[in-house]
């Protein structure tokens, strides 16, 4: 029974790691798109630039926070796995 539970926990850890890596890619793409968009909108109104800049920065921070939470969750699950 413990082996089965350990195996399932290891699968969960693997999936969380996979999702974490995918989100790191999202962070990179947001950064690239953010810079490109601000360059493209350079002649737009300052209020539009400020709003778009703020929203993209917030989106990136939210994904970074999700990465942190996934990593912390995996750390806790790994600790639990050592006890099983």
N, C-alpha and C. Protein backbone atom coordinates (compact mmCIF):
# COMPACT_ATOMS: atom_id res chain seq x y z
N UNK A 1 0.83 -1.20 0.00
CA UNK A 1 0.00 0.00 0.00
C UNK A 1 0.87 1.26 0.00
N UNK A 2 1.89 1.30 0.88
CA UNK A 2 2.75 2.48 0.95
C UNK A 2 3.47 2.72 -0.37
N UNK A 3 3.87 1.63 -1.06
CA UNK A 3 4.52 1.77 -2.36
C UNK A 3 3.60 2.40 -3.39
N UNK A 4 2.34 2.03 -3.36
CA UNK A 4 1.35 2.60 -4.28
C UNK A 4 1.14 4.08 -4.02
N UNK A 5 1.05 4.43 -2.74
CA UNK A 5 0.88 5.84 -2.36
C UNK A 5 2.12 6.63 -2.78
N UNK A 6 3.30 6.07 -2.51
CA UNK A 6 4.55 6.75 -2.89
C UNK A 6 4.61 6.97 -4.39
N UNK A 7 4.20 5.98 -5.14
CA UNK A 7 4.21 6.09 -6.60
C UNK A 7 3.27 7.20 -7.06
N UNK A 8 2.10 7.27 -6.47
CA UNK A 8 1.14 8.33 -6.83
C UNK A 8 1.67 9.71 -6.45
N UNK A 9 2.29 9.80 -5.30
CA UNK A 9 2.87 11.08 -4.86
C UNK A 9 3.99 11.51 -5.81
N UNK A 10 4.80 10.56 -6.23
CA UNK A 10 5.88 10.88 -7.18
C UNK A 10 5.31 11.39 -8.51
N UNK A 11 4.18 10.82 -8.93
CA UNK A 11 3.52 11.31 -10.16
C UNK A 11 3.04 12.75 -9.97
N UNK A 12 2.50 13.03 -8.79
CA UNK A 12 2.03 14.39 -8.50
C UNK A 12 3.20 15.36 -8.51
N UNK A 13 4.30 14.97 -7.89
CA UNK A 13 5.50 15.82 -7.88
C UNK A 13 5.97 16.08 -9.31
N UNK A 14 5.98 15.05 -10.13
CA UNK A 14 6.40 15.20 -11.53
C UNK A 14 5.49 16.18 -12.26
N UNK A 15 4.17 16.07 -12.05
CA UNK A 15 3.22 16.97 -12.73
C UNK A 15 3.40 18.41 -12.26
N UNK A 16 3.61 18.60 -10.96
CA UNK A 16 3.83 19.95 -10.47
C UNK A 16 5.12 20.52 -11.06
N UNK A 17 6.17 19.71 -11.13
CA UNK A 17 7.42 20.16 -11.76
C UNK A 17 7.19 20.54 -13.22
N UNK A 18 6.43 19.73 -13.92
CA UNK A 18 6.14 20.01 -15.34
C UNK A 18 5.37 21.33 -15.47
N UNK A 19 4.39 21.54 -14.62
CA UNK A 19 3.63 22.79 -14.66
C UNK A 19 4.50 23.98 -14.29
N UNK A 20 5.39 23.78 -13.33
CA UNK A 20 6.32 24.85 -12.94
C UNK A 20 7.19 25.27 -14.12
N UNK A 21 7.74 24.28 -14.82
CA UNK A 21 8.58 24.58 -15.98
C UNK A 21 7.78 25.30 -17.08
N UNK A 22 6.54 24.87 -17.28
CA UNK A 22 5.70 25.54 -18.28
C UNK A 22 5.47 27.00 -17.91
N UNK A 23 5.24 27.26 -16.64
CA UNK A 23 5.02 28.64 -16.20
C UNK A 23 6.27 29.49 -16.32
N UNK A 24 7.43 28.89 -16.13
CA UNK A 24 8.67 29.64 -16.34
C UNK A 24 8.75 30.09 -17.80
N UNK A 25 8.34 29.22 -18.72
CA UNK A 25 8.28 29.60 -20.13
C UNK A 25 7.30 30.74 -20.37
N UNK A 26 6.18 30.71 -19.67
CA UNK A 26 5.18 31.78 -19.79
C UNK A 26 5.77 33.10 -19.31
N UNK A 27 6.50 33.07 -18.21
CA UNK A 27 7.14 34.29 -17.70
C UNK A 27 8.08 34.87 -18.75
N UNK A 28 8.88 34.02 -19.37
CA UNK A 28 9.80 34.48 -20.42
C UNK A 28 9.04 35.10 -21.59
N UNK A 29 7.96 34.45 -22.01
CA UNK A 29 7.18 34.97 -23.15
C UNK A 29 6.48 36.29 -22.80
N UNK A 30 5.99 36.40 -21.57
CA UNK A 30 5.38 37.66 -21.15
C UNK A 30 6.41 38.78 -21.21
N UNK A 31 7.61 38.50 -20.72
CA UNK A 31 8.67 39.53 -20.76
C UNK A 31 9.01 39.96 -22.17
N UNK A 32 9.14 38.99 -23.06
CA UNK A 32 9.45 39.29 -24.46
C UNK A 32 8.32 40.09 -25.10
N UNK A 33 7.09 39.63 -24.90
CA UNK A 33 5.94 40.31 -25.49
C UNK A 33 5.75 41.70 -24.88
N UNK A 34 6.03 41.82 -23.61
CA UNK A 34 5.91 43.10 -22.92
C UNK A 34 6.84 44.13 -23.56
N UNK A 35 8.10 43.77 -23.72
CA UNK A 35 9.07 44.69 -24.32
C UNK A 35 8.68 45.03 -25.76
N UNK A 36 8.27 44.03 -26.51
CA UNK A 36 7.89 44.25 -27.90
C UNK A 36 6.67 45.16 -27.99
N UNK A 37 5.67 44.91 -27.15
CA UNK A 37 4.45 45.71 -27.19
C UNK A 37 4.73 47.15 -26.81
N UNK A 38 5.52 47.38 -25.78
CA UNK A 38 5.82 48.75 -25.38
C UNK A 38 6.61 49.49 -26.45
N UNK A 39 7.48 48.79 -27.15
CA UNK A 39 8.22 49.40 -28.26
C UNK A 39 7.25 49.75 -29.38
N UNK A 40 6.33 48.84 -29.66
CA UNK A 40 5.35 49.06 -30.73
C UNK A 40 4.42 50.22 -30.39
N UNK A 41 4.06 50.34 -29.12
CA UNK A 41 3.13 51.40 -28.70
C UNK A 41 3.84 52.69 -28.29
N UNK A 42 5.10 52.83 -28.61
CA UNK A 42 5.90 53.97 -28.15
C UNK A 42 5.24 55.31 -28.44
N UNK A 43 4.51 55.42 -29.53
CA UNK A 43 3.87 56.69 -29.88
C UNK A 43 2.47 56.84 -29.33
N UNK A 44 1.98 55.87 -28.61
CA UNK A 44 0.61 55.92 -28.08
C UNK A 44 0.53 56.88 -26.90
N UNK A 45 -0.67 57.08 -26.44
CA UNK A 45 -0.85 58.01 -25.33
C UNK A 45 -0.16 57.48 -24.07
N UNK A 46 0.39 58.38 -23.28
CA UNK A 46 1.09 57.96 -22.05
C UNK A 46 0.18 57.17 -21.10
N UNK A 47 -1.09 57.53 -21.04
CA UNK A 47 -1.99 56.81 -20.12
C UNK A 47 -2.20 55.37 -20.59
N UNK A 48 -2.30 55.17 -21.91
CA UNK A 48 -2.44 53.81 -22.44
C UNK A 48 -1.18 53.01 -22.13
N UNK A 49 -0.01 53.61 -22.37
CA UNK A 49 1.26 52.92 -22.09
C UNK A 49 1.37 52.55 -20.62
N UNK A 50 1.00 53.47 -19.75
CA UNK A 50 1.09 53.22 -18.31
C UNK A 50 0.15 52.08 -17.92
N UNK A 51 -1.07 52.10 -18.46
CA UNK A 51 -2.04 51.07 -18.12
C UNK A 51 -1.59 49.69 -18.62
N UNK A 52 -1.17 49.62 -19.88
CA UNK A 52 -0.73 48.35 -20.46
C UNK A 52 0.52 47.85 -19.74
N UNK A 53 1.46 48.75 -19.46
CA UNK A 53 2.67 48.38 -18.76
C UNK A 53 2.34 47.79 -17.38
N UNK A 54 1.45 48.44 -16.66
CA UNK A 54 1.06 47.97 -15.34
C UNK A 54 0.37 46.61 -15.39
N UNK A 55 -0.51 46.43 -16.37
CA UNK A 55 -1.23 45.16 -16.47
C UNK A 55 -0.29 44.01 -16.83
N UNK A 56 0.62 44.26 -17.76
CA UNK A 56 1.57 43.20 -18.12
C UNK A 56 2.53 42.89 -16.97
N UNK A 57 2.95 43.91 -16.25
CA UNK A 57 3.81 43.68 -15.09
C UNK A 57 3.06 42.88 -14.03
N UNK A 58 1.78 43.20 -13.81
CA UNK A 58 0.96 42.45 -12.86
C UNK A 58 0.79 41.00 -13.29
N UNK A 59 0.58 40.79 -14.59
CA UNK A 59 0.42 39.43 -15.10
C UNK A 59 1.70 38.62 -14.86
N UNK A 60 2.82 39.23 -15.13
CA UNK A 60 4.09 38.53 -14.92
C UNK A 60 4.30 38.20 -13.44
N UNK A 61 4.01 39.16 -12.56
CA UNK A 61 4.15 38.91 -11.12
C UNK A 61 3.22 37.79 -10.66
N UNK A 62 2.01 37.74 -11.21
CA UNK A 62 1.06 36.69 -10.83
C UNK A 62 1.59 35.31 -11.23
N UNK A 63 2.16 35.21 -12.41
CA UNK A 63 2.72 33.93 -12.86
C UNK A 63 3.95 33.57 -12.02
N UNK A 64 4.77 34.57 -11.69
CA UNK A 64 5.93 34.32 -10.83
C UNK A 64 5.47 33.82 -9.46
N UNK A 65 4.40 34.39 -8.93
CA UNK A 65 3.85 33.94 -7.65
C UNK A 65 3.34 32.51 -7.75
N UNK A 66 2.69 32.19 -8.87
CA UNK A 66 2.23 30.81 -9.08
C UNK A 66 3.41 29.85 -9.10
N UNK A 67 4.51 30.24 -9.73
CA UNK A 67 5.72 29.40 -9.75
C UNK A 67 6.23 29.17 -8.34
N UNK A 68 6.27 30.22 -7.56
CA UNK A 68 6.74 30.10 -6.18
C UNK A 68 5.85 29.16 -5.38
N UNK A 69 4.54 29.30 -5.53
CA UNK A 69 3.61 28.45 -4.80
C UNK A 69 3.72 26.99 -5.23
N UNK A 70 3.91 26.75 -6.52
CA UNK A 70 4.10 25.38 -6.99
C UNK A 70 5.38 24.77 -6.40
N UNK A 71 6.44 25.54 -6.40
CA UNK A 71 7.70 25.05 -5.85
C UNK A 71 7.56 24.74 -4.36
N UNK A 72 6.92 25.64 -3.62
CA UNK A 72 6.71 25.41 -2.19
C UNK A 72 5.84 24.19 -1.94
N UNK A 73 4.81 24.02 -2.76
CA UNK A 73 3.95 22.84 -2.64
C UNK A 73 4.75 21.57 -2.86
N UNK A 74 5.57 21.58 -3.89
CA UNK A 74 6.39 20.41 -4.18
C UNK A 74 7.37 20.11 -3.04
N UNK A 75 7.92 21.16 -2.45
CA UNK A 75 8.82 20.96 -1.31
C UNK A 75 8.09 20.26 -0.17
N UNK A 76 6.86 20.69 0.11
CA UNK A 76 6.07 20.07 1.18
C UNK A 76 5.72 18.62 0.84
N UNK A 77 5.35 18.40 -0.42
CA UNK A 77 4.98 17.04 -0.84
C UNK A 77 6.20 16.13 -0.76
N UNK A 78 7.36 16.62 -1.18
CA UNK A 78 8.59 15.81 -1.08
C UNK A 78 8.90 15.45 0.37
N UNK A 79 8.71 16.42 1.27
CA UNK A 79 8.93 16.16 2.69
C UNK A 79 7.98 15.09 3.19
N UNK A 80 6.73 15.18 2.77
CA UNK A 80 5.74 14.15 3.15
C UNK A 80 6.14 12.80 2.59
N UNK A 81 6.60 12.76 1.35
CA UNK A 81 6.98 11.51 0.70
C UNK A 81 8.08 10.80 1.49
N UNK A 82 9.02 11.57 2.05
CA UNK A 82 10.09 10.95 2.83
C UNK A 82 9.56 10.27 4.09
N UNK A 83 8.38 10.70 4.55
CA UNK A 83 7.79 10.11 5.75
C UNK A 83 6.93 8.89 5.45
N UNK A 84 6.52 8.75 4.20
CA UNK A 84 5.62 7.64 3.82
C UNK A 84 6.41 6.36 3.67
